[in-house]
Amino acid sequence: MAEKIESLKDIKSASKASKASATGSEATTRKPNRDKQGRSYATGKRKDAVARVWIKPGKGNITINEKSVDQYFARPVLKMIINQPFEITNRVNEFDVVCTVKGGGLSGQAGAIKHGISKALNEYEPELRAVLKKAGFLTRDDRVVERKKFGKAKARRSYQFSKR
């Protein structure tokens, strides 16, 4: 537990080590949670954004609010954030993702989709839980914008002070 994880490579190596130790100790196995169409559903949240995510086996197509991922997220960093759960579980281009997301900005929406995909992968294949948990993808990032205080311009920003 004292390992420091800073990159995806560290997460992959740590996940291999935890998978080796978890195989013998895990007594109860969870069964996959899928609907009649073979999909798994999860809700992801980040800042003010909420994403409803469905995953099913496919070719790796990602649809967000009925648009492709390239149309919805123009910045490559946001696309990379969305694909992180697939990369660390070695499931790239194995699942089709359909999601609806609302609220927040693009960065918060990308984080919400990543959280939803991680939770849906956990529902679809429960044995991936150790890898996703170690990477921190199953934990909701609870940081939100601080509220504005009275007598201040924003949450902490004061008005300009004038001596005279």
N, C-alpha and C. Protein backbone atom coordinates (compact mmCIF):
# COMPACT_ATOMS: atom_id res chain seq x y z
N MET A 1 0.81 -1.20 0.00
CA MET A 1 0.00 0.00 0.00
C MET A 1 0.85 1.26 0.00
N ALA A 2 2.14 1.16 0.35
CA ALA A 2 2.98 2.33 0.46
C ALA A 2 3.53 2.78 -0.89
N GLU A 3 3.20 2.04 -1.97
CA GLU A 3 3.68 2.42 -3.29
C GLU A 3 3.10 3.76 -3.71
N LYS A 4 3.90 4.53 -4.45
CA LYS A 4 3.41 5.80 -4.96
C LYS A 4 3.13 5.62 -6.45
N ILE A 5 1.92 5.90 -6.86
CA ILE A 5 1.51 5.71 -8.25
C ILE A 5 1.40 7.07 -8.91
N GLU A 6 2.16 7.26 -10.00
CA GLU A 6 2.15 8.56 -10.67
C GLU A 6 1.80 8.48 -12.15
N SER A 7 1.82 7.31 -12.76
CA SER A 7 1.52 7.21 -14.19
C SER A 7 0.75 5.92 -14.46
N LEU A 8 0.27 5.80 -15.71
CA LEU A 8 -0.47 4.60 -16.09
C LEU A 8 0.40 3.35 -16.01
N LYS A 9 1.70 3.49 -16.32
CA LYS A 9 2.59 2.33 -16.24
C LYS A 9 2.71 1.82 -14.81
N ASP A 10 2.78 2.77 -13.85
CA ASP A 10 2.84 2.36 -12.44
C ASP A 10 1.57 1.64 -12.04
N ILE A 11 0.43 2.11 -12.56
CA ILE A 11 -0.85 1.49 -12.24
C ILE A 11 -0.90 0.08 -12.80
N LYS A 12 -0.41 -0.09 -14.04
CA LYS A 12 -0.43 -1.42 -14.64
C LYS A 12 0.44 -2.40 -13.86
N SER A 13 1.64 -1.95 -13.46
CA SER A 13 2.52 -2.86 -12.72
C SER A 13 1.93 -3.18 -11.34
N ALA A 14 1.32 -2.17 -10.71
CA ALA A 14 0.70 -2.41 -9.40
C ALA A 14 -0.50 -3.33 -9.53
N SER A 15 -1.24 -3.20 -10.64
CA SER A 15 -2.42 -4.04 -10.82
C SER A 15 -2.03 -5.50 -11.04
N LYS A 16 -0.91 -5.73 -11.73
CA LYS A 16 -0.45 -7.10 -11.92
C LYS A 16 -0.07 -7.73 -10.58
N ALA A 17 0.59 -6.93 -9.75
CA ALA A 17 1.00 -7.43 -8.43
C ALA A 17 -0.22 -7.71 -7.55
N SER A 18 -1.21 -6.81 -7.59
CA SER A 18 -2.39 -7.01 -6.75
C SER A 18 -3.25 -8.15 -7.27
N LYS A 19 -3.25 -8.35 -8.59
CA LYS A 19 -4.02 -9.46 -9.16
C LYS A 19 -3.43 -10.80 -8.72
N ALA A 20 -2.10 -10.86 -8.66
CA ALA A 20 -1.45 -12.10 -8.22
C ALA A 20 -1.76 -12.41 -6.76
N SER A 21 -1.80 -11.37 -5.93
CA SER A 21 -2.07 -11.60 -4.50
C SER A 21 -3.55 -11.81 -4.23
N ALA A 22 -4.42 -11.25 -5.06
CA ALA A 22 -5.87 -11.33 -4.81
C ALA A 22 -6.48 -12.64 -5.27
N THR A 23 -5.82 -13.37 -6.16
CA THR A 23 -6.42 -14.59 -6.69
C THR A 23 -6.65 -15.63 -5.61
N GLY A 24 -5.73 -15.78 -4.67
CA GLY A 24 -5.87 -16.79 -3.64
C GLY A 24 -6.73 -16.33 -2.48
N SER A 25 -6.75 -15.04 -2.19
CA SER A 25 -7.42 -14.56 -0.98
C SER A 25 -8.90 -14.24 -1.18
N GLU A 26 -9.32 -14.06 -2.40
CA GLU A 26 -10.70 -13.64 -2.63
C GLU A 26 -11.64 -14.84 -2.56
N ALA A 27 -12.45 -14.90 -1.52
CA ALA A 27 -13.31 -16.06 -1.30
C ALA A 27 -14.62 -15.92 -2.06
N THR A 28 -15.22 -14.73 -2.02
CA THR A 28 -16.50 -14.53 -2.70
C THR A 28 -16.27 -13.85 -4.04
N THR A 29 -16.89 -14.38 -5.07
CA THR A 29 -16.79 -13.76 -6.38
C THR A 29 -18.14 -13.18 -6.75
N ARG A 30 -18.10 -11.95 -7.22
CA ARG A 30 -19.33 -11.29 -7.65
C ARG A 30 -19.66 -11.73 -9.06
N LYS A 31 -20.94 -11.81 -9.36
CA LYS A 31 -21.30 -12.19 -10.72
C LYS A 31 -21.62 -10.92 -11.52
N PRO A 32 -21.41 -10.98 -12.83
CA PRO A 32 -21.64 -9.79 -13.67
C PRO A 32 -23.10 -9.34 -13.62
N ASN A 33 -23.29 -8.04 -13.74
CA ASN A 33 -24.62 -7.45 -13.72
C ASN A 33 -24.90 -6.87 -15.11
N ARG A 34 -25.70 -7.60 -15.90
CA ARG A 34 -26.00 -7.19 -17.28
C ARG A 34 -27.50 -7.26 -17.51
N ASP A 35 -27.99 -6.42 -18.45
CA ASP A 35 -29.42 -6.45 -18.77
C ASP A 35 -29.68 -7.44 -19.90
N LYS A 36 -30.91 -7.45 -20.44
CA LYS A 36 -31.29 -8.42 -21.46
C LYS A 36 -30.52 -8.25 -22.76
N GLN A 37 -30.07 -7.00 -23.06
CA GLN A 37 -29.29 -6.75 -24.28
C GLN A 37 -27.79 -7.00 -24.07
N GLY A 38 -27.40 -7.44 -22.88
CA GLY A 38 -25.99 -7.71 -22.61
C GLY A 38 -25.20 -6.47 -22.24
N ARG A 39 -25.89 -5.42 -21.79
CA ARG A 39 -25.23 -4.17 -21.42
C ARG A 39 -25.10 -4.04 -19.91
N SER A 40 -24.12 -3.25 -19.50
CA SER A 40 -24.01 -2.87 -18.10
C SER A 40 -24.17 -1.37 -18.00
N TYR A 41 -24.84 -0.92 -16.93
CA TYR A 41 -25.15 0.50 -16.76
C TYR A 41 -24.49 1.02 -15.49
N ALA A 42 -24.05 2.27 -15.54
CA ALA A 42 -23.53 2.93 -14.34
C ALA A 42 -23.69 4.44 -14.50
N THR A 43 -23.69 5.12 -13.37
CA THR A 43 -23.76 6.58 -13.35
C THR A 43 -22.43 7.12 -12.84
N GLY A 44 -21.86 8.08 -13.57
CA GLY A 44 -20.61 8.71 -13.16
C GLY A 44 -20.83 10.18 -12.87
N LYS A 45 -20.08 10.71 -11.90
CA LYS A 45 -20.23 12.11 -11.53
C LYS A 45 -18.87 12.76 -11.36
N ARG A 46 -18.81 14.05 -11.70
CA ARG A 46 -17.60 14.85 -11.51
C ARG A 46 -18.01 16.31 -11.55
N LYS A 47 -17.64 17.08 -10.54
CA LYS A 47 -18.07 18.48 -10.41
C LYS A 47 -19.59 18.55 -10.52
N ASP A 48 -20.12 19.30 -11.47
CA ASP A 48 -21.57 19.38 -11.63
C ASP A 48 -22.10 18.47 -12.74
N ALA A 49 -21.23 17.70 -13.36
CA ALA A 49 -21.61 16.86 -14.49
C ALA A 49 -22.06 15.47 -14.01
N VAL A 50 -23.10 14.95 -14.66
CA VAL A 50 -23.62 13.62 -14.38
C VAL A 50 -23.70 12.86 -15.70
N ALA A 51 -23.10 11.69 -15.75
CA ALA A 51 -23.09 10.88 -16.97
C ALA A 51 -23.78 9.55 -16.70
N ARG A 52 -24.70 9.17 -17.60
CA ARG A 52 -25.32 7.84 -17.57
C ARG A 52 -24.66 7.04 -18.67
N VAL A 53 -24.04 5.91 -18.30
CA VAL A 53 -23.17 5.17 -19.23
C VAL A 53 -23.66 3.73 -19.37
N TRP A 54 -23.76 3.26 -20.61
CA TRP A 54 -24.05 1.87 -20.93
C TRP A 54 -22.88 1.33 -21.73
N ILE A 55 -22.35 0.16 -21.37
CA ILE A 55 -21.31 -0.48 -22.17
C ILE A 55 -21.78 -1.86 -22.59
N LYS A 56 -21.34 -2.24 -23.80
CA LYS A 56 -21.64 -3.58 -24.31
C LYS A 56 -20.49 -3.99 -25.22
N PRO A 57 -20.29 -5.28 -25.44
CA PRO A 57 -19.20 -5.71 -26.32
C PRO A 57 -19.38 -5.14 -27.72
N GLY A 58 -18.28 -4.69 -28.30
CA GLY A 58 -18.36 -4.09 -29.64
C GLY A 58 -16.98 -3.77 -30.19
N LYS A 59 -16.94 -2.73 -31.03
CA LYS A 59 -15.71 -2.39 -31.74
C LYS A 59 -14.98 -1.19 -31.15
N GLY A 60 -15.48 -0.63 -30.07
CA GLY A 60 -14.81 0.52 -29.46
C GLY A 60 -15.44 1.85 -29.80
N ASN A 61 -16.68 1.84 -30.31
CA ASN A 61 -17.36 3.09 -30.62
C ASN A 61 -17.84 3.76 -29.34
N ILE A 62 -17.60 5.07 -29.23
CA ILE A 62 -18.06 5.82 -28.07
C ILE A 62 -19.01 6.90 -28.56
N THR A 63 -20.25 6.86 -28.07
CA THR A 63 -21.26 7.84 -28.45
C THR A 63 -21.67 8.63 -27.22
N ILE A 64 -21.57 9.96 -27.34
CA ILE A 64 -21.91 10.84 -26.22
C ILE A 64 -23.01 11.78 -26.69
N ASN A 65 -24.16 11.73 -26.03
CA ASN A 65 -25.32 12.56 -26.41
C ASN A 65 -25.60 12.46 -27.91
N GLU A 66 -25.58 11.25 -28.43
CA GLU A 66 -25.85 10.93 -29.84
C GLU A 66 -24.85 11.55 -30.81
N LYS A 67 -23.65 11.88 -30.33
CA LYS A 67 -22.56 12.36 -31.18
C LYS A 67 -21.36 11.46 -30.94
N SER A 68 -20.46 11.39 -31.93
CA SER A 68 -19.25 10.59 -31.73
C SER A 68 -18.32 11.34 -30.77
N VAL A 69 -17.38 10.61 -30.21
CA VAL A 69 -16.47 11.22 -29.23
C VAL A 69 -15.62 12.31 -29.88
N ASP A 70 -15.31 12.15 -31.18
CA ASP A 70 -14.51 13.17 -31.88
C ASP A 70 -15.30 14.46 -32.08
N GLN A 71 -16.60 14.36 -32.29
CA GLN A 71 -17.42 15.56 -32.45
C GLN A 71 -17.66 16.24 -31.10
N TYR A 72 -17.86 15.45 -30.06
CA TYR A 72 -18.23 16.03 -28.77
C TYR A 72 -17.02 16.63 -28.05
N PHE A 73 -15.91 15.89 -28.02
CA PHE A 73 -14.69 16.37 -27.37
C PHE A 73 -13.62 16.60 -28.43
N ALA A 74 -13.31 17.88 -28.69
CA ALA A 74 -12.32 18.20 -29.72
C ALA A 74 -10.89 18.05 -29.18
N ARG A 75 -10.71 18.31 -27.88
CA ARG A 75 -9.36 18.24 -27.32
C ARG A 75 -8.93 16.80 -27.08
N PRO A 76 -7.71 16.45 -27.51
CA PRO A 76 -7.25 15.07 -27.34
C PRO A 76 -7.11 14.65 -25.87
N VAL A 77 -6.86 15.61 -24.97
CA VAL A 77 -6.71 15.28 -23.55
C VAL A 77 -8.02 14.71 -23.00
N LEU A 78 -9.14 15.27 -23.42
CA LEU A 78 -10.44 14.80 -22.94
C LEU A 78 -10.73 13.39 -23.45
N LYS A 79 -10.35 13.11 -24.70
CA LYS A 79 -10.53 11.76 -25.25
C LYS A 79 -9.65 10.76 -24.51
N MET A 80 -8.43 11.20 -24.14
CA MET A 80 -7.52 10.33 -23.40
C MET A 80 -8.10 10.00 -22.02
N ILE A 81 -8.71 11.00 -21.37
CA ILE A 81 -9.32 10.78 -20.06
C ILE A 81 -10.40 9.72 -20.14
N ILE A 82 -11.22 9.79 -21.19
CA ILE A 82 -12.32 8.84 -21.35
C ILE A 82 -11.80 7.42 -21.59
N ASN A 83 -10.69 7.28 -22.30
CA ASN A 83 -10.17 5.96 -22.64
C ASN A 83 -9.30 5.33 -21.56
N GLN A 84 -8.97 6.06 -20.48
CA GLN A 84 -8.10 5.52 -19.45
C GLN A 84 -8.60 4.22 -18.82
N PRO A 85 -9.89 4.08 -18.49
CA PRO A 85 -10.32 2.81 -17.90
C PRO A 85 -10.09 1.61 -18.81
N PHE A 86 -10.24 1.80 -20.12
CA PHE A 86 -10.02 0.71 -21.07
C PHE A 86 -8.53 0.38 -21.18
N GLU A 87 -7.68 1.41 -21.12
CA GLU A 87 -6.24 1.20 -21.27
C GLU A 87 -5.67 0.41 -20.10
N ILE A 88 -6.05 0.76 -18.87
CA ILE A 88 -5.43 0.06 -17.73
C ILE A 88 -5.98 -1.35 -17.55
N THR A 89 -7.17 -1.62 -18.11
CA THR A 89 -7.72 -2.98 -18.02
C THR A 89 -7.45 -3.81 -19.28
N ASN A 90 -6.70 -3.25 -20.22
CA ASN A 90 -6.38 -3.91 -21.50
C ASN A 90 -7.65 -4.32 -22.24
N ARG A 91 -8.62 -3.43 -22.31
CA ARG A 91 -9.88 -3.68 -23.00
C ARG A 91 -10.13 -2.64 -24.10
N VAL A 92 -9.07 -2.12 -24.72
CA VAL A 92 -9.20 -1.09 -25.75
C VAL A 92 -9.90 -1.68 -26.96
N ASN A 93 -10.89 -0.97 -27.49
CA ASN A 93 -11.67 -1.36 -28.67
C ASN A 93 -12.43 -2.68 -28.49
N GLU A 94 -12.77 -3.03 -27.26
CA GLU A 94 -13.56 -4.24 -27.02
C GLU A 94 -15.00 -3.91 -26.64
N PHE A 95 -15.28 -2.67 -26.22
CA PHE A 95 -16.61 -2.29 -25.77
C PHE A 95 -17.11 -1.06 -26.52
N ASP A 96 -18.41 -1.07 -26.83
CA ASP A 96 -19.08 0.12 -27.33
C ASP A 96 -19.68 0.84 -26.13
N VAL A 97 -19.56 2.16 -26.13
CA VAL A 97 -20.05 2.98 -25.02
C VAL A 97 -21.11 3.93 -25.55
N VAL A 98 -22.26 3.94 -24.90
CA VAL A 98 -23.31 4.92 -25.19
C VAL A 98 -23.58 5.65 -23.89
N CYS A 99 -23.47 6.99 -23.94
CA CYS A 99 -23.70 7.72 -22.70
C CYS A 99 -24.40 9.04 -22.98
N THR A 100 -25.13 9.48 -21.97
CA THR A 100 -25.72 10.82 -21.98
C THR A 100 -25.12 11.55 -20.80
N VAL A 101 -24.73 12.79 -21.03
CA VAL A 101 -24.09 13.57 -19.98
C VAL A 101 -24.68 14.97 -19.99
N LYS A 102 -24.89 15.51 -18.78
CA LYS A 102 -25.38 16.87 -18.70
C LYS A 102 -24.80 17.55 -17.47
N GLY A 103 -24.77 18.87 -17.53
CA GLY A 103 -24.25 19.67 -16.43
C GLY A 103 -22.76 19.86 -16.53
N GLY A 104 -22.26 20.91 -15.90
CA GLY A 104 -20.82 21.16 -15.85
C GLY A 104 -20.24 21.56 -17.19
N GLY A 105 -18.93 21.62 -17.25
CA GLY A 105 -18.20 21.94 -18.48
C GLY A 105 -17.64 20.68 -19.10
N LEU A 106 -16.85 20.87 -20.15
CA LEU A 106 -16.32 19.72 -20.88
C LEU A 106 -15.39 18.86 -20.03
N SER A 107 -14.55 19.50 -19.22
CA SER A 107 -13.62 18.74 -18.38
C SER A 107 -14.37 17.91 -17.33
N GLY A 108 -15.36 18.50 -16.70
CA GLY A 108 -16.17 17.77 -15.73
C GLY A 108 -16.95 16.65 -16.38
N GLN A 109 -17.44 16.89 -17.60
CA GLN A 109 -18.19 15.85 -18.31
C GLN A 109 -17.29 14.68 -18.67
N ALA A 110 -16.05 14.98 -19.09
CA ALA A 110 -15.11 13.91 -19.42
C ALA A 110 -14.79 13.08 -18.17
N GLY A 111 -14.61 13.75 -17.03
CA GLY A 111 -14.37 13.04 -15.78
C GLY A 111 -15.55 12.20 -15.35
N ALA A 112 -16.77 12.72 -15.58
CA ALA A 112 -17.98 11.97 -15.24
C ALA A 112 -18.11 10.73 -16.11
N ILE A 113 -17.80 10.86 -17.39
CA ILE A 113 -17.88 9.71 -18.30
C ILE A 113 -16.84 8.66 -17.91
N LYS A 114 -15.63 9.10 -17.55
CA LYS A 114 -14.59 8.17 -17.11
C LYS A 114 -15.04 7.41 -15.86
N HIS A 115 -15.63 8.11 -14.92
CA HIS A 115 -16.13 7.48 -13.70
C HIS A 115 -17.23 6.48 -14.03
N GLY A 116 -18.15 6.87 -14.93
CA GLY A 116 -19.23 5.97 -15.33
C GLY A 116 -18.74 4.74 -16.06
N ILE A 117 -17.77 4.91 -16.96
CA ILE A 117 -17.21 3.78 -17.70
C ILE A 117 -16.53 2.81 -16.73
N SER A 118 -15.81 3.36 -15.77
CA SER A 118 -15.12 2.51 -14.78
C SER A 118 -16.12 1.69 -13.97
N LYS A 119 -17.18 2.34 -13.52
CA LYS A 119 -18.19 1.62 -12.74
C LYS A 119 -18.93 0.59 -13.59
N ALA A 120 -19.20 0.93 -14.86
CA ALA A 120 -19.88 -0.01 -15.75
C ALA A 120 -18.98 -1.21 -16.07
N LEU A 121 -17.68 -0.97 -16.26
CA LEU A 121 -16.74 -2.08 -16.46
C LEU A 121 -16.71 -2.99 -15.24
N ASN A 122 -16.77 -2.39 -14.07
CA ASN A 122 -16.80 -3.17 -12.83
C ASN A 122 -18.07 -4.02 -12.76
N GLU A 123 -19.18 -3.50 -13.23
CA GLU A 123 -20.43 -4.27 -13.26
C GLU A 123 -20.36 -5.38 -14.30
N TYR A 124 -19.75 -5.09 -15.46
CA TYR A 124 -19.69 -6.06 -16.55
C TYR A 124 -18.72 -7.19 -16.23
N GLU A 125 -17.53 -6.84 -15.73
CA GLU A 125 -16.51 -7.83 -15.37
C GLU A 125 -16.02 -7.54 -13.95
N PRO A 126 -16.63 -8.13 -12.94
CA PRO A 126 -16.25 -7.84 -11.55
C PRO A 126 -14.79 -8.14 -11.21
N GLU A 127 -14.13 -9.01 -11.98
CA GLU A 127 -12.73 -9.31 -11.69
C GLU A 127 -11.80 -8.13 -12.01
N LEU A 128 -12.30 -7.11 -12.72
CA LEU A 128 -11.49 -5.92 -13.01
C LEU A 128 -11.50 -4.92 -11.85
N ARG A 129 -12.26 -5.22 -10.81
CA ARG A 129 -12.41 -4.26 -9.70
C ARG A 129 -11.07 -3.88 -9.06
N ALA A 130 -10.19 -4.86 -8.85
CA ALA A 130 -8.91 -4.58 -8.19
C ALA A 130 -8.08 -3.58 -8.99
N VAL A 131 -8.06 -3.76 -10.31
CA VAL A 131 -7.28 -2.86 -11.17
C VAL A 131 -7.88 -1.45 -11.15
N LEU A 132 -9.20 -1.36 -11.31
CA LEU A 132 -9.85 -0.05 -11.35
C LEU A 132 -9.78 0.64 -9.99
N LYS A 133 -9.91 -0.12 -8.92
CA LYS A 133 -9.85 0.45 -7.57
C LYS A 133 -8.45 0.98 -7.27
N LYS A 134 -7.43 0.22 -7.66
CA LYS A 134 -6.04 0.62 -7.44
C LYS A 134 -5.73 1.92 -8.18
N ALA A 135 -6.30 2.09 -9.37
CA ALA A 135 -6.08 3.30 -10.15
C ALA A 135 -6.88 4.49 -9.62
N GLY A 136 -7.87 4.22 -8.76
CA GLY A 136 -8.68 5.29 -8.21
C GLY A 136 -9.83 5.71 -9.11
N PHE A 137 -10.19 4.88 -10.08
CA PHE A 137 -11.23 5.24 -11.04
C PHE A 137 -12.63 4.97 -10.52
N LEU A 138 -12.78 4.16 -9.47
CA LEU A 138 -14.10 3.87 -8.94
C LEU A 138 -14.53 4.87 -7.87
N THR A 139 -13.61 5.69 -7.42
CA THR A 139 -13.90 6.69 -6.39
C THR A 139 -14.34 7.98 -7.05
N ARG A 140 -15.45 8.53 -6.57
CA ARG A 140 -15.94 9.79 -7.12
C ARG A 140 -15.05 10.91 -6.63
N ASP A 141 -14.59 11.76 -7.55
CA ASP A 141 -13.79 12.92 -7.19
C ASP A 141 -14.74 13.98 -6.65
N ASP A 142 -14.73 14.19 -5.34
CA ASP A 142 -15.75 15.02 -4.71
C ASP A 142 -15.39 16.50 -4.66
N ARG A 143 -14.34 16.92 -5.35
CA ARG A 143 -13.98 18.34 -5.34
C ARG A 143 -14.98 19.13 -6.18
N VAL A 144 -15.55 20.15 -5.58
CA VAL A 144 -16.50 21.01 -6.28
C VAL A 144 -16.12 22.46 -6.05
N VAL A 145 -16.73 23.36 -6.78
CA VAL A 145 -16.43 24.78 -6.68
C VAL A 145 -16.88 25.29 -5.31
N GLU A 146 -16.01 26.06 -4.68
CA GLU A 146 -16.33 26.65 -3.38
C GLU A 146 -17.36 27.76 -3.56
N ARG A 147 -18.27 27.88 -2.62
CA ARG A 147 -19.33 28.88 -2.75
C ARG A 147 -18.80 30.29 -2.53
N LYS A 148 -19.50 31.26 -3.12
CA LYS A 148 -19.15 32.66 -2.95
C LYS A 148 -19.55 33.12 -1.55
N LYS A 149 -18.66 33.90 -0.92
CA LYS A 149 -18.96 34.44 0.41
C LYS A 149 -19.41 35.90 0.28
N PHE A 150 -20.25 36.34 1.21
CA PHE A 150 -20.69 37.73 1.18
C PHE A 150 -19.52 38.64 1.56
N GLY A 151 -19.49 39.83 0.98
CA GLY A 151 -18.39 40.76 1.23
C GLY A 151 -17.16 40.47 0.40
N LYS A 152 -17.23 39.46 -0.46
CA LYS A 152 -16.11 39.09 -1.33
C LYS A 152 -16.57 39.12 -2.77
N ALA A 153 -15.61 39.28 -3.68
CA ALA A 153 -15.94 39.28 -5.10
C ALA A 153 -16.27 37.87 -5.59
N LYS A 154 -15.51 36.88 -5.11
CA LYS A 154 -15.79 35.48 -5.43
C LYS A 154 -15.69 34.69 -4.12
N ALA A 155 -15.24 33.46 -4.18
CA ALA A 155 -15.17 32.66 -2.95
C ALA A 155 -14.13 33.24 -1.98
N ARG A 156 -12.96 33.62 -2.51
CA ARG A 156 -11.90 34.15 -1.66
C ARG A 156 -11.38 35.49 -2.13
N ARG A 157 -11.64 35.85 -3.37
CA ARG A 157 -11.13 37.09 -3.95
C ARG A 157 -11.81 38.29 -3.31
N SER A 158 -11.01 39.22 -2.77
CA SER A 158 -11.56 40.42 -2.16
C SER A 158 -11.61 41.54 -3.18
N TYR A 159 -12.39 42.55 -2.86
CA TYR A 159 -12.43 43.74 -3.69
C TYR A 159 -11.14 44.52 -3.48
N GLN A 160 -10.75 45.34 -4.47
CA GLN A 160 -9.51 46.09 -4.37
C GLN A 160 -9.57 47.06 -3.20
N PHE A 161 -8.49 47.09 -2.41
CA PHE A 161 -8.44 47.95 -1.22
C PHE A 161 -7.88 49.32 -1.62
N SER A 162 -8.51 50.35 -1.09
CA SER A 162 -8.03 51.72 -1.36
C SER A 162 -7.89 52.43 -0.03
N LYS A 163 -6.68 52.99 0.20
CA LYS A 163 -6.45 53.72 1.45
C LYS A 163 -7.20 55.03 1.45
N ARG A 164 -7.25 55.72 0.32
CA ARG A 164 -7.89 57.04 0.28
C ARG A 164 -9.04 57.07 -0.69
